[in-house]
Amino acid sequence: MSNNRRRMTGQVTRAKAMKTVTVRVDRSYRHRLYGKVVHTSRQYLVHDELGCHPGDQVVIVESRPVSKRKRWVVEQIVRKATEEQVEANAAVQVDMPAVEAPA
């Protein structure tokens, strides 16, 4: 039995809330007039029952609204993040010292 719900593949960027992750879906297309390849990305709030971590590659599927901004559910984890990726994400999320603006 198959369904016709939309599916997208993306990378988990944030997993701080319970059962909610933020997934970045990258997309590239050729510009109609200029022919240049344009890269865009979009972030989705996704319901997560599988316990994803930042850096994981996941497949998300469209579903009924779970909350005000969550309309997607993690269907499967394609690839787990390596330890180097997890450490790099943790280093980026640490508070960086504020840089003062020039006077």
N, C-alpha and C. Protein backbone atom coordinates (compact mmCIF):
# COMPACT_ATOMS: atom_id res chain seq x y z
N MET A 1 0.84 -1.17 0.00
CA MET A 1 0.00 0.00 0.00
C MET A 1 0.89 1.24 0.00
N SER A 2 0.69 2.13 -0.96
CA SER A 2 1.48 3.34 -1.03
C SER A 2 0.58 4.55 -0.82
N ASN A 3 1.20 5.62 -0.38
CA ASN A 3 0.43 6.85 -0.23
C ASN A 3 1.12 7.94 -1.04
N ASN A 4 0.41 9.01 -1.27
CA ASN A 4 0.95 10.07 -2.12
C ASN A 4 1.34 11.30 -1.32
N ARG A 5 1.75 11.10 -0.07
CA ARG A 5 2.19 12.23 0.75
C ARG A 5 3.58 12.67 0.30
N ARG A 6 3.83 13.97 0.38
CA ARG A 6 5.12 14.50 -0.04
C ARG A 6 6.21 14.05 0.92
N ARG A 7 7.38 13.74 0.37
CA ARG A 7 8.54 13.34 1.15
C ARG A 7 9.73 14.19 0.73
N MET A 8 10.56 14.54 1.72
CA MET A 8 11.77 15.30 1.45
C MET A 8 12.89 14.75 2.31
N THR A 9 14.11 14.94 1.85
CA THR A 9 15.29 14.52 2.59
C THR A 9 16.02 15.76 3.05
N GLY A 10 16.42 15.77 4.33
CA GLY A 10 17.11 16.92 4.86
C GLY A 10 18.01 16.55 6.01
N GLN A 11 18.65 17.56 6.57
CA GLN A 11 19.59 17.36 7.67
C GLN A 11 19.05 18.04 8.92
N VAL A 12 19.14 17.33 10.04
CA VAL A 12 18.68 17.88 11.32
C VAL A 12 19.67 18.95 11.76
N THR A 13 19.17 20.15 12.04
CA THR A 13 20.04 21.24 12.47
C THR A 13 19.89 21.55 13.95
N ARG A 14 18.72 21.24 14.53
CA ARG A 14 18.50 21.55 15.94
C ARG A 14 17.57 20.49 16.52
N ALA A 15 17.91 20.04 17.73
CA ALA A 15 17.08 19.05 18.41
C ALA A 15 17.02 19.38 19.90
N LYS A 16 16.51 20.55 20.23
CA LYS A 16 16.50 20.99 21.63
C LYS A 16 15.18 20.72 22.32
N ALA A 17 14.07 20.75 21.59
CA ALA A 17 12.76 20.54 22.20
C ALA A 17 12.43 19.05 22.22
N MET A 18 11.52 18.68 23.09
CA MET A 18 11.11 17.28 23.16
C MET A 18 10.24 16.94 21.95
N LYS A 19 10.60 15.90 21.24
CA LYS A 19 9.86 15.38 20.08
C LYS A 19 9.71 16.39 18.96
N THR A 20 10.59 17.38 18.90
CA THR A 20 10.59 18.34 17.80
C THR A 20 12.02 18.57 17.36
N VAL A 21 12.26 18.50 16.05
CA VAL A 21 13.57 18.82 15.49
C VAL A 21 13.37 19.82 14.36
N THR A 22 14.44 20.55 14.06
CA THR A 22 14.43 21.45 12.91
C THR A 22 15.25 20.78 11.82
N VAL A 23 14.66 20.67 10.63
CA VAL A 23 15.31 20.00 9.51
C VAL A 23 15.51 21.01 8.39
N ARG A 24 16.75 21.08 7.87
CA ARG A 24 17.06 21.95 6.73
C ARG A 24 17.01 21.12 5.46
N VAL A 25 16.18 21.54 4.52
CA VAL A 25 16.06 20.86 3.23
C VAL A 25 16.69 21.75 2.18
N ASP A 26 17.74 21.26 1.53
CA ASP A 26 18.44 22.02 0.49
C ASP A 26 17.82 21.71 -0.87
N ARG A 27 17.78 22.74 -1.72
CA ARG A 27 17.19 22.57 -3.04
C ARG A 27 18.02 23.38 -4.01
N SER A 28 18.25 22.86 -5.19
CA SER A 28 18.96 23.62 -6.22
C SER A 28 18.19 23.52 -7.52
N TYR A 29 18.20 24.61 -8.26
CA TYR A 29 17.49 24.65 -9.54
C TYR A 29 18.23 25.60 -10.47
N ARG A 30 17.95 25.48 -11.75
CA ARG A 30 18.58 26.35 -12.74
C ARG A 30 17.67 27.56 -12.97
N HIS A 31 18.27 28.75 -12.89
CA HIS A 31 17.52 29.99 -13.09
C HIS A 31 16.98 30.03 -14.52
N ARG A 32 15.71 30.44 -14.64
CA ARG A 32 15.05 30.41 -15.94
C ARG A 32 15.73 31.30 -16.97
N LEU A 33 16.10 32.52 -16.59
CA LEU A 33 16.64 33.48 -17.54
C LEU A 33 18.15 33.36 -17.69
N TYR A 34 18.87 33.28 -16.59
CA TYR A 34 20.32 33.35 -16.63
C TYR A 34 21.00 31.99 -16.67
N GLY A 35 20.30 30.93 -16.34
CA GLY A 35 20.89 29.60 -16.43
C GLY A 35 21.80 29.23 -15.28
N LYS A 36 21.98 30.13 -14.33
CA LYS A 36 22.85 29.84 -13.20
C LYS A 36 22.15 28.88 -12.23
N VAL A 37 22.92 27.97 -11.64
CA VAL A 37 22.36 27.06 -10.65
C VAL A 37 22.24 27.81 -9.33
N VAL A 38 21.01 27.88 -8.82
CA VAL A 38 20.73 28.61 -7.59
C VAL A 38 20.48 27.60 -6.48
N HIS A 39 21.14 27.77 -5.34
CA HIS A 39 20.98 26.88 -4.20
C HIS A 39 20.17 27.61 -3.13
N THR A 40 19.10 26.98 -2.68
CA THR A 40 18.29 27.54 -1.61
C THR A 40 18.07 26.46 -0.56
N SER A 41 17.70 26.90 0.63
CA SER A 41 17.38 25.93 1.68
C SER A 41 16.20 26.48 2.47
N ARG A 42 15.49 25.56 3.10
CA ARG A 42 14.35 25.94 3.92
C ARG A 42 14.35 25.07 5.16
N GLN A 43 13.92 25.66 6.28
CA GLN A 43 13.88 24.91 7.53
C GLN A 43 12.45 24.59 7.90
N TYR A 44 12.24 23.36 8.36
CA TYR A 44 10.93 22.89 8.77
C TYR A 44 10.99 22.42 10.21
N LEU A 45 9.93 22.68 10.97
CA LEU A 45 9.77 22.07 12.28
C LEU A 45 9.12 20.71 12.06
N VAL A 46 9.73 19.66 12.61
CA VAL A 46 9.32 18.29 12.30
C VAL A 46 9.08 17.54 13.60
N HIS A 47 8.00 16.77 13.65
CA HIS A 47 7.70 15.92 14.80
C HIS A 47 8.62 14.71 14.74
N ASP A 48 9.29 14.41 15.87
CA ASP A 48 10.32 13.37 15.90
C ASP A 48 10.02 12.36 16.99
N GLU A 49 9.65 11.15 16.60
CA GLU A 49 9.45 10.05 17.55
C GLU A 49 10.65 9.12 17.57
N LEU A 50 11.61 9.30 16.64
CA LEU A 50 12.73 8.37 16.50
C LEU A 50 13.97 8.80 17.28
N GLY A 51 14.00 10.01 17.81
CA GLY A 51 15.15 10.47 18.59
C GLY A 51 16.33 10.89 17.73
N CYS A 52 16.12 11.84 16.84
CA CYS A 52 17.18 12.33 15.96
C CYS A 52 18.12 13.26 16.72
N HIS A 53 19.34 13.39 16.19
CA HIS A 53 20.34 14.29 16.74
C HIS A 53 20.83 15.22 15.64
N PRO A 54 21.39 16.38 15.99
CA PRO A 54 21.90 17.29 14.96
C PRO A 54 22.94 16.60 14.08
N GLY A 55 22.82 16.81 12.77
CA GLY A 55 23.72 16.19 11.81
C GLY A 55 23.15 14.96 11.13
N ASP A 56 22.07 14.39 11.65
CA ASP A 56 21.46 13.21 11.04
C ASP A 56 20.79 13.58 9.72
N GLN A 57 20.89 12.68 8.73
CA GLN A 57 20.14 12.80 7.49
C GLN A 57 18.82 12.06 7.68
N VAL A 58 17.69 12.72 7.42
CA VAL A 58 16.39 12.12 7.66
C VAL A 58 15.47 12.31 6.46
N VAL A 59 14.47 11.44 6.37
CA VAL A 59 13.39 11.59 5.40
C VAL A 59 12.17 12.05 6.19
N ILE A 60 11.59 13.18 5.75
CA ILE A 60 10.40 13.69 6.42
C ILE A 60 9.21 13.53 5.49
N VAL A 61 8.05 13.33 6.07
CA VAL A 61 6.83 13.11 5.29
C VAL A 61 5.75 14.07 5.79
N GLU A 62 4.97 14.57 4.86
CA GLU A 62 3.89 15.49 5.19
C GLU A 62 2.81 14.77 5.99
N SER A 63 2.22 15.47 6.96
CA SER A 63 1.19 14.84 7.79
C SER A 63 0.16 15.89 8.19
N ARG A 64 -0.79 15.46 8.98
CA ARG A 64 -1.77 16.41 9.51
C ARG A 64 -1.05 17.35 10.47
N PRO A 65 -1.59 18.53 10.74
CA PRO A 65 -0.93 19.45 11.67
C PRO A 65 -0.81 18.84 13.07
N VAL A 66 0.42 18.83 13.59
CA VAL A 66 0.67 18.33 14.93
C VAL A 66 0.59 19.48 15.93
N SER A 67 1.04 20.66 15.51
CA SER A 67 0.95 21.86 16.34
C SER A 67 0.84 23.06 15.40
N LYS A 68 1.03 24.24 15.93
CA LYS A 68 0.85 25.45 15.13
C LYS A 68 1.78 25.49 13.92
N ARG A 69 3.03 25.06 14.08
CA ARG A 69 4.01 25.14 13.00
C ARG A 69 4.54 23.79 12.53
N LYS A 70 4.11 22.69 13.12
CA LYS A 70 4.61 21.37 12.73
C LYS A 70 3.61 20.67 11.82
N ARG A 71 4.03 20.43 10.57
CA ARG A 71 3.20 19.71 9.61
C ARG A 71 3.95 18.55 8.97
N TRP A 72 5.10 18.21 9.50
CA TRP A 72 5.94 17.15 8.95
C TRP A 72 6.33 16.20 10.08
N VAL A 73 6.60 14.94 9.71
CA VAL A 73 6.98 13.90 10.68
C VAL A 73 8.21 13.20 10.13
N VAL A 74 9.17 12.86 11.02
CA VAL A 74 10.34 12.09 10.60
C VAL A 74 9.89 10.68 10.28
N GLU A 75 10.14 10.25 9.04
CA GLU A 75 9.75 8.90 8.62
C GLU A 75 10.87 7.91 8.89
N GLN A 76 12.11 8.28 8.57
CA GLN A 76 13.23 7.39 8.83
C GLN A 76 14.52 8.20 8.91
N ILE A 77 15.49 7.62 9.62
CA ILE A 77 16.82 8.22 9.69
C ILE A 77 17.67 7.52 8.64
N VAL A 78 18.13 8.27 7.65
CA VAL A 78 18.90 7.69 6.55
C VAL A 78 20.33 7.43 7.00
N ARG A 79 20.94 8.42 7.66
CA ARG A 79 22.33 8.29 8.09
C ARG A 79 22.51 9.05 9.39
N LYS A 80 23.11 8.39 10.37
CA LYS A 80 23.42 9.03 11.65
C LYS A 80 24.63 9.94 11.49
N ALA A 81 24.68 10.97 12.30
CA ALA A 81 25.82 11.89 12.30
C ALA A 81 27.03 11.20 12.90
N THR A 82 28.21 11.50 12.36
CA THR A 82 29.44 10.96 12.93
C THR A 82 29.80 11.76 14.17
N GLU A 83 30.71 11.24 14.97
CA GLU A 83 31.09 11.94 16.20
C GLU A 83 31.75 13.28 15.90
N GLU A 84 32.50 13.37 14.78
CA GLU A 84 33.13 14.63 14.42
C GLU A 84 32.08 15.69 14.13
N GLN A 85 30.99 15.30 13.44
CA GLN A 85 29.93 16.25 13.14
C GLN A 85 29.23 16.70 14.41
N VAL A 86 29.00 15.78 15.33
CA VAL A 86 28.33 16.12 16.59
C VAL A 86 29.18 17.09 17.38
N GLU A 87 30.50 16.84 17.45
CA GLU A 87 31.39 17.75 18.17
C GLU A 87 31.45 19.11 17.50
N ALA A 88 31.46 19.14 16.17
CA ALA A 88 31.50 20.41 15.45
C ALA A 88 30.22 21.20 15.71
N ASN A 89 29.07 20.52 15.71
CA ASN A 89 27.80 21.21 15.99
C ASN A 89 27.78 21.74 17.41
N ALA A 90 28.32 20.98 18.36
CA ALA A 90 28.35 21.43 19.75
C ALA A 90 29.26 22.65 19.90
N ALA A 91 30.37 22.68 19.17
CA ALA A 91 31.28 23.81 19.25
C ALA A 91 30.64 25.07 18.67
N VAL A 92 29.86 24.93 17.64
CA VAL A 92 29.20 26.08 17.03
C VAL A 92 28.11 26.62 17.94
N GLN A 93 27.42 25.73 18.66
CA GLN A 93 26.31 26.16 19.50
C GLN A 93 26.76 26.79 20.81
N VAL A 94 28.03 26.67 21.17
CA VAL A 94 28.54 27.30 22.39
C VAL A 94 28.50 28.81 22.18
N ASP A 95 28.16 29.55 23.22
CA ASP A 95 28.07 31.00 23.10
C ASP A 95 29.41 31.58 22.71
N MET A 96 29.41 32.31 21.62
CA MET A 96 30.62 32.97 21.15
C MET A 96 30.70 34.34 21.80
N PRO A 97 31.92 34.85 22.06
CA PRO A 97 32.03 36.18 22.65
C PRO A 97 31.51 37.23 21.66
N ALA A 98 30.86 38.24 22.21
CA ALA A 98 30.29 39.29 21.36
C ALA A 98 31.40 40.14 20.77
N VAL A 99 31.25 40.48 19.51
CA VAL A 99 32.21 41.34 18.83
C VAL A 99 31.67 42.75 18.85
N GLU A 100 32.49 43.67 19.34
CA GLU A 100 32.04 45.06 19.43
C GLU A 100 32.10 45.71 18.06
N ALA A 101 31.10 46.54 17.78
CA ALA A 101 31.07 47.27 16.51
C ALA A 101 32.08 48.41 16.57
N PRO A 102 32.72 48.70 15.43
CA PRO A 102 33.68 49.82 15.43
C PRO A 102 32.96 51.15 15.69
N ALA A 103 33.63 52.02 16.42
CA ALA A 103 33.01 53.29 16.83
C ALA A 103 33.02 54.32 15.74
